[in-house]
PDB file of all heavy atoms in Angstrom:
ATOM      1  N   ILE A   1     391.652 -75.168 216.824  1.00  0.00           N
ATOM      2  CA  ILE A   1     392.734 -76.177 216.744  1.00  0.00           C
ATOM      3  C   ILE A   1     393.348 -76.289 218.012  1.00  0.00           C
ATOM      4  O   ILE A   1     393.483 -75.259 218.805  1.00  0.00           O
ATOM      5  CB  ILE A   1     393.842 -75.787 215.597  1.00  0.00           C
ATOM      6  CG1 ILE A   1     394.779 -76.874 215.488  1.00  0.00           C
ATOM      7  CG2 ILE A   1     394.427 -74.425 215.888  1.00  0.00           C
ATOM      8  CD1 ILE A   1     395.584 -76.746 214.158  1.00  0.00           C
ATOM      9  N   GLY A   2     393.757 -77.467 218.418  1.00  0.00           N
ATOM     10  CA  GLY A   2     394.453 -77.745 219.732  1.00  0.00           C
ATOM     11  C   GLY A   2     394.746 -79.239 219.887  1.00  0.00           C
ATOM     12  O   GLY A   2     394.736 -80.055 219.028  1.00  0.00           O
ATOM     13  N   ASP A   3     395.065 -79.550 221.089  1.00  0.00           N
ATOM     14  CA  ASP A   3     395.357 -80.911 221.476  1.00  0.00           C
ATOM     15  C   ASP A   3     393.982 -81.746 221.445  1.00  0.00           C
ATOM     16  O   ASP A   3     393.125 -81.314 221.859  1.00  0.00           O
ATOM     17  CB  ASP A   3     395.949 -80.969 222.980  1.00  0.00           C
ATOM     18  CG  ASP A   3     397.067 -80.118 223.250  1.00  0.00           C
ATOM     19  OD1 ASP A   3     398.076 -80.257 222.497  1.00  0.00           O
ATOM     20  OD2 ASP A   3     397.077 -79.176 224.055  1.00  0.00           O
ATOM     21  N   ALA A   4     394.243 -82.983 220.945  1.00  0.00           N
ATOM     22  CA  ALA A   4     393.098 -83.824 220.872  1.00  0.00           C
ATOM     23  C   ALA A   4     392.768 -84.473 222.254  1.00  0.00           C
ATOM     24  O   ALA A   4     391.626 -84.763 222.578  1.00  0.00           O
ATOM     25  CB  ALA A   4     393.337 -85.017 219.821  1.00  0.00           C
ATOM     26  N   SER A   5     393.817 -84.582 223.097  1.00  0.00           N
ATOM     27  CA  SER A   5     393.728 -84.906 224.457  1.00  0.00           C
ATOM     28  C   SER A   5     394.912 -84.302 225.308  1.00  0.00           C
ATOM     29  O   SER A   5     395.836 -83.810 224.660  1.00  0.00           O
ATOM     30  CB  SER A   5     393.769 -86.467 224.538  1.00  0.00           C
ATOM     31  OG  SER A   5     395.009 -86.935 224.034  1.00  0.00           O
ATOM     32  N   ALA A   6     394.807 -84.409 226.585  1.00  0.00           N
ATOM     33  CA  ALA A   6     395.792 -83.863 227.457  1.00  0.00           C
ATOM     34  C   ALA A   6     397.118 -84.534 227.240  1.00  0.00           C
ATOM     35  O   ALA A   6     397.189 -85.699 227.142  1.00  0.00           O
ATOM     36  CB  ALA A   6     395.348 -83.920 228.920  1.00  0.00           C
ATOM     37  N   VAL A   7     398.161 -83.758 226.909  1.00  0.00           N
ATOM     38  CA  VAL A   7     399.523 -84.188 226.771  1.00  0.00           C
ATOM     39  C   VAL A   7     400.544 -83.552 227.582  1.00  0.00           C
ATOM     40  O   VAL A   7     400.284 -82.336 228.011  1.00  0.00           O
ATOM     41  CB  VAL A   7     399.954 -84.095 225.275  1.00  0.00           C
ATOM     42  CG1 VAL A   7     399.103 -85.068 224.399  1.00  0.00           C
ATOM     43  CG2 VAL A   7     399.893 -82.683 224.742  1.00  0.00           C
ATOM     44  N   ALA A   8     401.590 -84.049 227.859  1.00  0.00           N
ATOM     45  CA  ALA A   8     402.649 -83.505 228.721  1.00  0.00           C
ATOM     46  C   ALA A   8     403.745 -82.916 227.889  1.00  0.00           C
ATOM     47  O   ALA A   8     404.788 -82.482 228.491  1.00  0.00           O
ATOM     48  CB  ALA A   8     403.115 -84.433 229.819  1.00  0.00           C
ATOM     49  N   SER A   9     403.653 -83.056 226.565  1.00  0.00           N
ATOM     50  CA  SER A   9     404.698 -82.617 225.678  1.00  0.00           C
ATOM     51  C   SER A   9     404.219 -81.426 224.806  1.00  0.00           C
ATOM     52  O   SER A   9     403.061 -81.226 224.732  1.00  0.00           O
ATOM     53  CB  SER A   9     405.171 -83.836 224.781  1.00  0.00           C
ATOM     54  OG  SER A   9     404.081 -84.158 223.999  1.00  0.00           O
ATOM     55  N   GLN A  10     405.106 -80.703 224.357  1.00  0.00           N
ATOM     56  CA  GLN A  10     404.824 -79.465 223.547  1.00  0.00           C
ATOM     57  C   GLN A  10     404.949 -79.891 222.037  1.00  0.00           C
ATOM     58  O   GLN A  10     405.672 -80.913 221.699  1.00  0.00           O
ATOM     59  CB  GLN A  10     405.656 -78.332 223.753  1.00  0.00           C
ATOM     60  CG  GLN A  10     407.176 -78.532 223.429  1.00  0.00           C
ATOM     61  CD  GLN A  10     407.987 -77.388 223.754  1.00  0.00           C
ATOM     62  OE1 GLN A  10     407.740 -76.561 224.743  1.00  0.00           O
ATOM     63  NE2 GLN A  10     409.119 -77.213 223.090  1.00  0.00           N
ATOM     64  N   TRP A  11     404.196 -79.101 221.211  1.00  0.00           N
ATOM     65  CA  TRP A  11     404.248 -79.393 219.824  1.00  0.00           C
ATOM     66  C   TRP A  11     404.223 -78.055 219.107  1.00  0.00           C
ATOM     67  O   TRP A  11     403.679 -77.002 219.711  1.00  0.00           O
ATOM     68  CB  TRP A  11     403.208 -80.272 219.319  1.00  0.00           C
ATOM     69  CG  TRP A  11     401.846 -80.017 219.675  1.00  0.00           C
ATOM     70  CD1 TRP A  11     401.182 -80.334 220.838  1.00  0.00           C
ATOM     71  CD2 TRP A  11     400.823 -79.378 218.829  1.00  0.00           C
ATOM     72  NE1 TRP A  11     399.985 -79.837 220.880  1.00  0.00           N
ATOM     73  CE2 TRP A  11     399.641 -79.179 219.610  1.00  0.00           C
ATOM     74  CE3 TRP A  11     400.927 -78.788 217.596  1.00  0.00           C
ATOM     75  CZ2 TRP A  11     398.491 -78.662 219.164  1.00  0.00           C
ATOM     76  CZ3 TRP A  11     399.653 -78.129 217.182  1.00  0.00           C
ATOM     77  CH2 TRP A  11     398.497 -78.096 218.014  1.00  0.00           C
ATOM     78  N   THR A  12     404.616 -77.948 217.812  1.00  0.00           N
ATOM     79  CA  THR A  12     404.630 -76.656 217.185  1.00  0.00           C
ATOM     80  C   THR A  12     403.957 -76.739 215.822  1.00  0.00           C
ATOM     81  O   THR A  12     404.144 -77.622 214.960  1.00  0.00           O
ATOM     82  CB  THR A  12     406.126 -76.268 216.796  1.00  0.00           C
ATOM     83  OG1 THR A  12     406.811 -76.178 218.102  1.00  0.00           O
ATOM     84  CG2 THR A  12     406.172 -74.863 216.054  1.00  0.00           C
ATOM     85  N   LEU A  13     402.855 -75.856 215.661  1.00  0.00           N
ATOM     86  CA  LEU A  13     402.174 -75.819 214.494  1.00  0.00           C
ATOM     87  C   LEU A  13     402.741 -74.715 213.581  1.00  0.00           C
ATOM     88  O   LEU A  13     402.962 -73.647 214.063  1.00  0.00           O
ATOM     89  CB  LEU A  13     400.679 -75.391 214.870  1.00  0.00           C
ATOM     90  CG  LEU A  13     399.758 -75.237 213.643  1.00  0.00           C
ATOM     91  CD1 LEU A  13     399.482 -76.549 212.980  1.00  0.00           C
ATOM     92  CD2 LEU A  13     398.457 -74.581 214.043  1.00  0.00           C
ATOM     93  N   HIS A  14     402.990 -75.040 212.369  1.00  0.00           N
ATOM     94  CA  HIS A  14     403.552 -74.148 211.368  1.00  0.00           C
ATOM     95  C   HIS A  14     402.434 -73.520 210.529  1.00  0.00           C
ATOM     96  O   HIS A  14     402.580 -72.409 210.073  1.00  0.00           O
ATOM     97  CB  HIS A  14     404.706 -74.860 210.451  1.00  0.00           C
ATOM     98  CG  HIS A  14     405.837 -75.145 211.230  1.00  0.00           C
ATOM     99  ND1 HIS A  14     406.778 -74.207 211.734  1.00  0.00           N
ATOM    100  CD2 HIS A  14     406.277 -76.352 211.765  1.00  0.00           C
ATOM    101  CE1 HIS A  14     407.741 -74.846 212.425  1.00  0.00           C
ATOM    102  NE2 HIS A  14     407.375 -76.188 212.426  1.00  0.00           N
ATOM    103  N   ALA A  15     401.512 -74.408 210.141  1.00  0.00           N
ATOM    104  CA  ALA A  15     400.451 -73.945 209.345  1.00  0.00           C
ATOM    105  C   ALA A  15     399.214 -74.807 209.504  1.00  0.00           C
ATOM    106  O   ALA A  15     399.301 -75.950 209.658  1.00  0.00           O
ATOM    107  CB  ALA A  15     400.877 -73.877 207.878  1.00  0.00           C
ATOM    108  N   LEU A  16     398.045 -74.053 209.306  1.00  0.00           N
ATOM    109  CA  LEU A  16     396.724 -74.846 209.250  1.00  0.00           C
ATOM    110  C   LEU A  16     396.148 -74.361 207.976  1.00  0.00           C
ATOM    111  O   LEU A  16     395.980 -73.198 207.685  1.00  0.00           O
ATOM    112  CB  LEU A  16     395.878 -74.399 210.467  1.00  0.00           C
ATOM    113  CG  LEU A  16     394.386 -74.829 210.299  1.00  0.00           C
ATOM    114  CD1 LEU A  16     394.166 -76.227 210.358  1.00  0.00           C
ATOM    115  CD2 LEU A  16     393.474 -74.037 211.497  1.00  0.00           C
ATOM    116  N   GLN A  17     395.917 -75.373 207.113  1.00  0.00           N
ATOM    117  CA  GLN A  17     395.318 -74.988 205.780  1.00  0.00           C
ATOM    118  C   GLN A  17     393.904 -75.503 205.756  1.00  0.00           C
ATOM    119  O   GLN A  17     393.645 -76.671 206.107  1.00  0.00           O
ATOM    120  CB  GLN A  17     396.118 -75.613 204.700  1.00  0.00           C
ATOM    121  CG  GLN A  17     395.578 -75.414 203.349  1.00  0.00           C
ATOM    122  CD  GLN A  17     396.329 -76.137 202.275  1.00  0.00           C
ATOM    123  OE1 GLN A  17     397.158 -76.933 202.503  1.00  0.00           O
ATOM    124  NE2 GLN A  17     396.129 -75.714 200.990  1.00  0.00           N
ATOM    125  N   VAL A  18     392.899 -74.632 205.368  1.00  0.00           N
ATOM    126  CA  VAL A  18     391.470 -75.001 205.396  1.00  0.00           C
ATOM    127  C   VAL A  18     391.074 -74.573 203.953  1.00  0.00           C
ATOM    128  O   VAL A  18     391.097 -73.417 203.590  1.00  0.00           O
ATOM    129  CB  VAL A  18     390.688 -74.293 206.408  1.00  0.00           C
ATOM    130  CG1 VAL A  18     389.289 -74.589 206.193  1.00  0.00           C
ATOM    131  CG2 VAL A  18     391.279 -74.490 207.867  1.00  0.00           C
ATOM    132  N   ARG A  19     390.752 -75.536 203.101  1.00  0.00           N
ATOM    133  CA  ARG A  19     390.264 -75.261 201.797  1.00  0.00           C
ATOM    134  C   ARG A  19     388.814 -75.148 201.922  1.00  0.00           C
ATOM    135  O   ARG A  19     387.991 -76.046 202.213  1.00  0.00           O
ATOM    136  CB  ARG A  19     390.696 -76.438 200.797  1.00  0.00           C
ATOM    137  CG  ARG A  19     390.480 -76.051 199.394  1.00  0.00           C
ATOM    138  CD  ARG A  19     391.227 -76.998 198.481  1.00  0.00           C
ATOM    139  NE  ARG A  19     390.892 -78.448 198.599  1.00  0.00           N
ATOM    140  CZ  ARG A  19     390.061 -78.954 197.701  1.00  0.00           C
ATOM    141  NH1 ARG A  19     389.630 -78.338 196.690  1.00  0.00           N
ATOM    142  NH2 ARG A  19     389.697 -80.251 197.864  1.00  0.00           N
ATOM    143  N   THR A  20     388.295 -74.110 201.330  1.00  0.00           N
ATOM    144  CA  THR A  20     386.767 -73.800 201.308  1.00  0.00           C
ATOM    145  C   THR A  20     386.353 -73.655 199.908  1.00  0.00           C
ATOM    146  O   THR A  20     387.171 -73.542 198.850  1.00  0.00           O
ATOM    147  CB  THR A  20     386.472 -72.563 202.019  1.00  0.00           C
ATOM    148  OG1 THR A  20     387.140 -71.403 201.320  1.00  0.00           O
ATOM    149  CG2 THR A  20     386.896 -72.564 203.452  1.00  0.00           C
ATOM    150  N   LYS A  21     385.001 -73.748 199.643  1.00  0.00           N
ATOM    151  CA  LYS A  21     384.385 -73.406 198.467  1.00  0.00           C
ATOM    152  C   LYS A  21     383.093 -72.746 198.664  1.00  0.00           C
ATOM    153  O   LYS A  21     382.497 -72.801 199.768  1.00  0.00           O
ATOM    154  CB  LYS A  21     384.237 -74.575 197.516  1.00  0.00           C
ATOM    155  CG  LYS A  21     383.044 -75.545 197.973  1.00  0.00           C
ATOM    156  CD  LYS A  21     382.910 -76.681 196.945  1.00  0.00           C
ATOM    157  CE  LYS A  21     381.612 -77.550 197.312  1.00  0.00           C
ATOM    158  NZ  LYS A  21     381.463 -78.563 196.299  1.00  0.00           N
ATOM    159  N   ARG A  22     382.795 -71.896 197.781  1.00  0.00           N
ATOM    160  CA  ARG A  22     381.517 -71.016 197.934  1.00  0.00           C
ATOM    161  C   ARG A  22     380.348 -72.081 197.878  1.00  0.00           C
ATOM    162  O   ARG A  22     380.283 -72.729 196.971  1.00  0.00           O
ATOM    163  CB  ARG A  22     381.414 -69.881 196.963  1.00  0.00           C
ATOM    164  CG  ARG A  22     380.256 -68.964 197.183  1.00  0.00           C
ATOM    165  CD  ARG A  22     380.414 -67.895 196.205  1.00  0.00           C
ATOM    166  NE  ARG A  22     379.213 -67.006 196.392  1.00  0.00           N
ATOM    167  CZ  ARG A  22     379.247 -65.882 197.164  1.00  0.00           C
ATOM    168  NH1 ARG A  22     380.238 -65.522 197.789  1.00  0.00           N
ATOM    169  NH2 ARG A  22     378.127 -65.160 197.168  1.00  0.00           N
ATOM    170  N   GLY A  23     379.294 -71.911 198.740  1.00  0.00           N
ATOM    171  CA  GLY A  23     378.152 -72.720 198.673  1.00  0.00           C
ATOM    172  C   GLY A  23     377.047 -72.018 198.019  1.00  0.00           C
ATOM    173  O   GLY A  23     377.177 -71.108 197.101  1.00  0.00           O
ATOM    174  N   ALA A  24     375.791 -72.276 198.378  1.00  0.00           N
ATOM    175  CA  ALA A  24     374.640 -71.738 197.806  1.00  0.00           C
ATOM    176  C   ALA A  24     374.463 -70.226 198.021  1.00  0.00           C
ATOM    177  O   ALA A  24     374.914 -69.840 199.071  1.00  0.00           O
ATOM    178  CB  ALA A  24     373.384 -72.475 198.320  1.00  0.00           C
ATOM    179  N   THR A  25     373.995 -69.507 197.065  1.00  0.00           N
ATOM    180  CA  THR A  25     373.616 -68.107 197.188  1.00  0.00           C
ATOM    181  C   THR A  25     372.279 -68.015 197.791  1.00  0.00           C
ATOM    182  O   THR A  25     371.268 -68.682 197.313  1.00  0.00           O
ATOM    183  CB  THR A  25     373.695 -67.339 195.903  1.00  0.00           C
ATOM    184  OG1 THR A  25     375.001 -67.686 195.304  1.00  0.00           O
ATOM    185  CG2 THR A  25     373.411 -65.944 196.082  1.00  0.00           C
ATOM    186  N   ARG A  26     372.103 -67.115 198.833  1.00  0.00           N
ATOM    187  CA  ARG A  26     370.784 -66.942 199.397  1.00  0.00           C
ATOM    188  C   ARG A  26     370.092 -65.663 199.166  1.00  0.00           C
ATOM    189  O   ARG A  26     370.710 -64.676 198.808  1.00  0.00           O
ATOM    190  CB  ARG A  26     370.853 -67.114 200.947  1.00  0.00           C
ATOM    191  CG  ARG A  26     371.342 -68.454 201.389  1.00  0.00           C
ATOM    192  CD  ARG A  26     371.444 -68.469 202.988  1.00  0.00           C
ATOM    193  NE  ARG A  26     371.903 -69.866 203.240  1.00  0.00           N
ATOM    194  CZ  ARG A  26     371.833 -70.209 204.553  1.00  0.00           C
ATOM    195  NH1 ARG A  26     371.587 -69.576 205.496  1.00  0.00           N
ATOM    196  NH2 ARG A  26     372.335 -71.463 204.819  1.00  0.00           N
TER     197      ARG A  26
END
């Protein structure tokens, strides 16, 4: 996670949520 492009301003991330599910069993 990060800046999509160079910026001169700051930003604050409070949370990154990634929803997953179990895939195939090998």
